[in-house]
């Protein structure tokens, strides 16, 4: 049996399993809060993303001024201005932003779920079976949100973020407990 290279680092973190356990608990808590008030989470996520685009675009456009003599100046400036415009549209029309972001989130969940499944099966970290389950559930959620779009766009972003955080927290909890068992087996 060959050992995956990432397993070699487990020896160095085996005594830090408690930190991973705490991370798991924190993510589960955040996920539960997001699921309890999904409309608030959706609104916060959409507005936060819009403002990040606005400020990032301003910084990028301003940064372009320092590269006026570069051939990529106009492209640099264009993407800065585009970020400001798209971010502004999201901030001033969060309902439309939620519709667009809902579709992007569906694609993200589908792709990240499939990636998690493949990575878990390939790497086989402690508790890897839970990563497969979480990846499968995440991919299914991506498919479900795609199927119900645009009806549930006001709350589905917050709910799915909460579910993803909850399961990611669960995976970290299981990893920490597997790491703890690994520590006991080694000593």
C-alpha atoms as a PDB file:
ATOM      1  CA  UNK A   1       0.000   0.000   0.000  1.00  0.00           C
ATOM      2  CA  UNK A   2       1.349   3.399  -0.948  1.00  0.00           C
ATOM      3  CA  UNK A   3       0.958   6.336   1.387  1.00  0.00           C
ATOM      4  CA  UNK A   4      -0.333   9.583  -0.070  1.00  0.00           C
ATOM      5  CA  UNK A   5       2.166  12.463   0.425  1.00  0.00           C
ATOM      6  CA  UNK A   6      -0.346  14.469   2.455  1.00  0.00           C
ATOM      7  CA  UNK A   7      -0.324  11.729   5.121  1.00  0.00           C
ATOM      8  CA  UNK A   8       3.295  12.559   5.962  1.00  0.00           C
ATOM      9  CA  UNK A   9       2.163  15.866   7.456  1.00  0.00           C
ATOM     10  CA  UNK A  10      -0.260  14.188   9.870  1.00  0.00           C
ATOM     11  CA  UNK A  11       2.574  13.368  12.237  1.00  0.00           C
ATOM     12  CA  UNK A  12       3.292  17.068  12.684  1.00  0.00           C
ATOM     13  CA  UNK A  13      -0.297  18.012  13.530  1.00  0.00           C
ATOM     14  CA  UNK A  14      -1.396  14.955  15.506  1.00  0.00           C
ATOM     15  CA  UNK A  15      -1.347  16.847  18.813  1.00  0.00           C
ATOM     16  CA  UNK A  16      -3.360  19.746  17.363  1.00  0.00           C
ATOM     17  CA  UNK A  17      -6.519  17.693  16.887  1.00  0.00           C
ATOM     18  CA  UNK A  18      -8.334  19.949  19.384  1.00  0.00           C
ATOM     19  CA  UNK A  19      -7.920  22.970  17.107  1.00  0.00           C
ATOM     20  CA  UNK A  20      -9.532  21.068  14.257  1.00  0.00           C
ATOM     21  CA  UNK A  21     -12.307  19.993  16.639  1.00  0.00           C
ATOM     22  CA  UNK A  22     -12.894  23.642  17.588  1.00  0.00           C
ATOM     23  CA  UNK A  23     -12.917  24.639  13.920  1.00  0.00           C
ATOM     24  CA  UNK A  24     -15.557  22.005  13.273  1.00  0.00           C
ATOM     25  CA  UNK A  25     -17.720  23.248  16.152  1.00  0.00           C
ATOM     26  CA  UNK A  26     -17.403  26.869  14.992  1.00  0.00           C
ATOM     27  CA  UNK A  27     -18.406  25.989  11.426  1.00  0.00           C
ATOM     28  CA  UNK A  28     -21.354  23.924  12.670  1.00  0.00           C
ATOM     29  CA  UNK A  29     -22.514  26.881  14.794  1.00  0.00           C
ATOM     30  CA  UNK A  30     -22.223  29.317  11.874  1.00  0.00           C
ATOM     31  CA  UNK A  31     -24.048  26.869   9.637  1.00  0.00           C
ATOM     32  CA  UNK A  32     -26.882  26.454  12.129  1.00  0.00           C
ATOM     33  CA  UNK A  33     -27.272  30.229  12.484  1.00  0.00           C
ATOM     34  CA  UNK A  34     -27.346  30.618   8.694  1.00  0.00           C
ATOM     35  CA  UNK A  35     -30.045  27.955   8.383  1.00  0.00           C
ATOM     36  CA  UNK A  36     -32.184  29.570  11.097  1.00  0.00           C
ATOM     37  CA  UNK A  37     -32.273  32.946   9.321  1.00  0.00           C
ATOM     38  CA  UNK A  38     -31.522  32.184   5.649  1.00  0.00           C
ATOM     39  CA  UNK A  39     -33.059  35.409   4.328  1.00  0.00           C
ATOM     40  CA  UNK A  40     -30.676  37.457   6.474  1.00  0.00           C
ATOM     41  CA  UNK A  41     -27.709  35.339   5.374  1.00  0.00           C
ATOM     42  CA  UNK A  42     -28.761  35.714   1.732  1.00  0.00           C
ATOM     43  CA  UNK A  43     -29.093  39.486   2.008  1.00  0.00           C
ATOM     44  CA  UNK A  44     -25.780  39.778   3.849  1.00  0.00           C
ATOM     45  CA  UNK A  45     -23.955  37.555   1.356  1.00  0.00           C
ATOM     46  CA  UNK A  46     -25.318  39.398  -1.683  1.00  0.00           C
ATOM     47  CA  UNK A  47     -24.618  42.873  -0.291  1.00  0.00           C
ATOM     48  CA  UNK A  48     -21.194  41.864   1.011  1.00  0.00           C
ATOM     49  CA  UNK A  49     -20.238  40.468  -2.371  1.00  0.00           C
ATOM     50  CA  UNK A  50     -21.502  43.601  -4.116  1.00  0.00           C
ATOM     51  CA  UNK A  51     -19.471  45.892  -1.872  1.00  0.00           C
ATOM     52  CA  UNK A  52     -16.377  43.715  -2.242  1.00  0.00           C
ATOM     53  CA  UNK A  53     -16.680  44.094  -6.021  1.00  0.00           C
ATOM     54  CA  UNK A  54     -17.137  47.864  -5.718  1.00  0.00           C
ATOM     55  CA  UNK A  55     -14.117  48.400  -3.476  1.00  0.00           C
ATOM     56  CA  UNK A  56     -11.983  45.861  -5.314  1.00  0.00           C
ATOM     57  CA  UNK A  57     -12.853  47.534  -8.601  1.00  0.00           C
ATOM     58  CA  UNK A  58     -11.907  50.959  -7.269  1.00  0.00           C
ATOM     59  CA  UNK A  59      -8.558  49.600  -6.088  1.00  0.00           C
ATOM     60  CA  UNK A  60      -7.938  47.860  -9.402  1.00  0.00           C
ATOM     61  CA  UNK A  61      -8.845  50.949 -11.450  1.00  0.00           C
ATOM     62  CA  UNK A  62      -6.656  53.092  -9.205  1.00  0.00           C
ATOM     63  CA  UNK A  63      -3.848  50.548  -9.546  1.00  0.00           C
ATOM     64  CA  UNK A  64      -4.172  50.743 -13.318  1.00  0.00           C
ATOM     65  CA  UNK A  65      -3.130  54.388 -13.145  1.00  0.00           C
ATOM     66  CA  UNK A  66       0.310  53.223 -12.000  1.00  0.00           C
ATOM     67  CA  UNK A  67       0.676  51.035 -15.066  1.00  0.00           C
ATOM     68  CA  UNK A  68      -0.276  53.535 -17.788  1.00  0.00           C
ATOM     69  CA  UNK A  69       2.803  52.660 -19.843  1.00  0.00           C
ATOM     70  CA  UNK A  70       2.041  48.935 -19.827  1.00  0.00           C
ATOM     71  CA  UNK A  71       0.262  47.268 -22.761  1.00  0.00           C
ATOM     72  CA  UNK A  72      -2.240  45.726 -20.315  1.00  0.00           C
ATOM     73  CA  UNK A  73      -3.261  49.118 -18.906  1.00  0.00           C
ATOM     74  CA  UNK A  74      -6.667  49.281 -20.615  1.00  0.00           C
ATOM     75  CA  UNK A  75      -7.514  45.697 -19.711  1.00  0.00           C
ATOM     76  CA  UNK A  76      -6.511  46.383 -16.110  1.00  0.00           C
ATOM     77  CA  UNK A  77      -8.622  49.559 -16.072  1.00  0.00           C
ATOM     78  CA  UNK A  78     -11.541  47.836 -17.813  1.00  0.00           C
ATOM     79  CA  UNK A  79     -11.759  45.060 -15.215  1.00  0.00           C
ATOM     80  CA  UNK A  80     -11.592  47.600 -12.413  1.00  0.00           C
ATOM     81  CA  UNK A  81     -14.442  49.621 -13.890  1.00  0.00           C
ATOM     82  CA  UNK A  82     -16.411  46.440 -14.670  1.00  0.00           C
ATOM     83  CA  UNK A  83     -16.086  45.327 -11.041  1.00  0.00           C
ATOM     84  CA  UNK A  84     -17.369  48.689  -9.817  1.00  0.00           C
ATOM     85  CA  UNK A  85     -20.339  48.585 -12.203  1.00  0.00           C
ATOM     86  CA  UNK A  86     -21.293  44.952 -11.460  1.00  0.00           C
ATOM     87  CA  UNK A  87     -20.787  45.477  -7.725  1.00  0.00           C
ATOM     88  CA  UNK A  88     -22.895  48.639  -7.849  1.00  0.00           C
ATOM     89  CA  UNK A  89     -25.681  46.805  -9.675  1.00  0.00           C
ATOM     90  CA  UNK A  90     -25.636  44.096  -7.014  1.00  0.00           C
ATOM     91  CA  UNK A  91     -25.662  46.626  -4.161  1.00  0.00           C
ATOM     92  CA  UNK A  92     -28.505  48.712  -5.641  1.00  0.00           C
ATOM     93  CA  UNK A  93     -30.491  45.708  -6.935  1.00  0.00           C
ATOM     94  CA  UNK A  94     -29.797  42.922  -4.424  1.00  0.00           C
ATOM     95  CA  UNK A  95     -32.817  40.912  -5.595  1.00  0.00           C
ATOM     96  CA  UNK A  96     -31.363  40.597  -9.111  1.00  0.00           C
ATOM     97  CA  UNK A  97     -27.962  39.997  -7.577  1.00  0.00           C
ATOM     98  CA  UNK A  98     -29.447  37.157  -5.542  1.00  0.00           C
ATOM     99  CA  UNK A  99     -30.877  35.606  -8.714  1.00  0.00           C
ATOM    100  CA  UNK A 100     -27.519  35.679 -10.474  1.00  0.00           C
ATOM    101  CA  UNK A 101     -25.563  34.580  -7.424  1.00  0.00           C
ATOM    102  CA  UNK A 102     -28.044  31.758  -6.811  1.00  0.00           C
ATOM    103  CA  UNK A 103     -27.178  30.284 -10.187  1.00  0.00           C
ATOM    104  CA  UNK A 104     -23.454  30.708  -9.543  1.00  0.00           C
ATOM    105  CA  UNK A 105     -23.806  29.129  -6.111  1.00  0.00           C
ATOM    106  CA  UNK A 106     -25.613  26.136  -7.616  1.00  0.00           C
ATOM    107  CA  UNK A 107     -22.699  25.600  -9.997  1.00  0.00           C
ATOM    108  CA  UNK A 108     -20.209  26.049  -7.154  1.00  0.00           C
ATOM    109  CA  UNK A 109     -21.926  23.464  -4.951  1.00  0.00           C
ATOM    110  CA  UNK A 110     -22.142  20.961  -7.781  1.00  0.00           C
ATOM    111  CA  UNK A 111     -18.485  21.318  -8.777  1.00  0.00           C
ATOM    112  CA  UNK A 112     -17.089  21.533  -5.231  1.00  0.00           C
ATOM    113  CA  UNK A 113     -19.139  18.519  -4.156  1.00  0.00           C
ATOM    114  CA  UNK A 114     -17.796  16.431  -7.017  1.00  0.00           C
ATOM    115  CA  UNK A 115     -14.252  17.623  -6.298  1.00  0.00           C
ATOM    116  CA  UNK A 116     -14.608  16.757  -2.595  1.00  0.00           C
ATOM    117  CA  UNK A 117     -15.753  13.243  -3.470  1.00  0.00           C
ATOM    118  CA  UNK A 118     -12.837  12.631  -5.821  1.00  0.00           C
ATOM    119  CA  UNK A 119     -10.292  14.160  -3.423  1.00  0.00           C
ATOM    120  CA  UNK A 120     -11.607  12.175  -0.443  1.00  0.00           C
ATOM    121  CA  UNK A 121     -11.447   8.885  -2.322  1.00  0.00           C
ATOM    122  CA  UNK A 122      -7.986   9.671  -3.701  1.00  0.00           C
ATOM    123  CA  UNK A 123      -6.297  11.027  -0.560  1.00  0.00           C
ATOM    124  CA  UNK A 124      -8.153   9.087   2.172  1.00  0.00           C
ATOM    125  CA  UNK A 125      -7.479  11.305   5.172  1.00  0.00           C
ATOM    126  CA  UNK A 126      -8.816  10.168   8.556  1.00  0.00           C
ATOM    127  CA  UNK A 127     -12.603  10.273   8.408  1.00  0.00           C
ATOM    128  CA  UNK A 128     -12.538  10.394   4.594  1.00  0.00           C
ATOM    129  CA  UNK A 129     -15.897   8.647   4.277  1.00  0.00           C
ATOM    130  CA  UNK A 130     -17.567  11.700   5.796  1.00  0.00           C
ATOM    131  CA  UNK A 131     -15.935  13.847   3.105  1.00  0.00           C
ATOM    132  CA  UNK A 132     -17.518  11.612   0.469  1.00  0.00           C
ATOM    133  CA  UNK A 133     -20.935  11.971   2.133  1.00  0.00           C
ATOM    134  CA  UNK A 134     -20.514  15.744   2.454  1.00  0.00           C
ATOM    135  CA  UNK A 135     -19.404  15.992  -1.173  1.00  0.00           C
ATOM    136  CA  UNK A 136     -22.361  13.949  -2.340  1.00  0.00           C
ATOM    137  CA  UNK A 137     -24.819  16.072  -0.355  1.00  0.00           C
ATOM    138  CA  UNK A 138     -23.181  19.273  -1.601  1.00  0.00           C
ATOM    139  CA  UNK A 139     -23.443  18.129  -5.228  1.00  0.00           C
ATOM    140  CA  UNK A 140     -27.106  17.160  -4.740  1.00  0.00           C
ATOM    141  CA  UNK A 141     -27.814  20.575  -3.216  1.00  0.00           C
ATOM    142  CA  UNK A 142     -26.288  22.198  -6.283  1.00  0.00           C
ATOM    143  CA  UNK A 143     -28.600  20.192  -8.524  1.00  0.00           C
ATOM    144  CA  UNK A 144     -31.668  20.979  -6.383  1.00  0.00           C
ATOM    145  CA  UNK A 145     -31.043  24.725  -6.342  1.00  0.00           C
ATOM    146  CA  UNK A 146     -30.596  24.681 -10.099  1.00  0.00           C
ATOM    147  CA  UNK A 147     -33.921  22.877 -10.486  1.00  0.00           C
ATOM    148  CA  UNK A 148     -35.868  25.378  -8.296  1.00  0.00           C
ATOM    149  CA  UNK A 149     -34.280  28.593  -9.603  1.00  0.00           C
ATOM    150  CA  UNK A 150     -35.496  31.443  -9.543  1.00  0.00           C
ATOM    151  CA  UNK A 151     -38.355  30.755  -7.080  1.00  0.00           C
ATOM    152  CA  UNK A 152     -36.262  30.334  -3.950  1.00  0.00           C
ATOM    153  CA  UNK A 153     -33.507  32.869  -4.633  1.00  0.00           C
ATOM    154  CA  UNK A 154     -34.419  35.041  -1.624  1.00  0.00           C
ATOM    155  CA  UNK A 155     -33.543  32.400   0.943  1.00  0.00           C
ATOM    156  CA  UNK A 156     -31.739  29.562  -0.790  1.00  0.00           C
ATOM    157  CA  UNK A 157     -28.323  31.229  -0.764  1.00  0.00           C
ATOM    158  CA  UNK A 158     -28.420  31.602   3.019  1.00  0.00           C
ATOM    159  CA  UNK A 159     -29.807  28.103   3.534  1.00  0.00           C
ATOM    160  CA  UNK A 160     -27.234  26.454   1.288  1.00  0.00           C
ATOM    161  CA  UNK A 161     -24.383  28.415   2.797  1.00  0.00           C
ATOM    162  CA  UNK A 162     -25.597  27.242   6.202  1.00  0.00           C
ATOM    163  CA  UNK A 163     -25.845  23.620   5.081  1.00  0.00           C
ATOM    164  CA  UNK A 164     -22.398  23.752   3.485  1.00  0.00           C
ATOM    165  CA  UNK A 165     -20.875  25.297   6.614  1.00  0.00           C
ATOM    166  CA  UNK A 166     -22.603  22.713   8.802  1.00  0.00           C
ATOM    167  CA  UNK A 167     -21.314  19.747   6.794  1.00  0.00           C
ATOM    168  CA  UNK A 168     -17.861  21.249   6.404  1.00  0.00           C
ATOM    169  CA  UNK A 169     -17.800  21.618  10.191  1.00  0.00           C
ATOM    170  CA  UNK A 170     -18.907  18.007  10.571  1.00  0.00           C
ATOM    171  CA  UNK A 171     -16.082  16.863   8.285  1.00  0.00           C
ATOM    172  CA  UNK A 172     -13.546  18.811  10.391  1.00  0.00           C
ATOM    173  CA  UNK A 173     -14.995  17.248  13.554  1.00  0.00           C
ATOM    174  CA  UNK A 174     -14.619  13.769  12.076  1.00  0.00           C
ATOM    175  CA  UNK A 175     -11.110  14.596  10.855  1.00  0.00           C
ATOM    176  CA  UNK A 176     -10.140  15.769  14.337  1.00  0.00           C
ATOM    177  CA  UNK A 177     -11.490  12.611  15.948  1.00  0.00           C
ATOM    178  CA  UNK A 178      -9.696  10.478  13.350  1.00  0.00           C
ATOM    179  CA  UNK A 179      -6.534  12.448  14.033  1.00  0.00           C
ATOM    180  CA  UNK A 180      -7.023  11.864  17.750  1.00  0.00           C
ATOM    181  CA  UNK A 181      -7.338   8.097  17.142  1.00  0.00           C
ATOM    182  CA  UNK A 182      -4.246   8.303  14.945  1.00  0.00           C
ATOM    183  CA  UNK A 183      -2.388  10.008  17.805  1.00  0.00           C
ATOM    184  CA  UNK A 184      -3.402   7.281  20.258  1.00  0.00           C
ATOM    185  CA  UNK A 185      -2.402   4.541  17.767  1.00  0.00           C
ATOM    186  CA  UNK A 186       1.036   6.086  17.196  1.00  0.00           C
ATOM    187  CA  UNK A 187       1.772   6.560  20.911  1.00  0.00           C
END
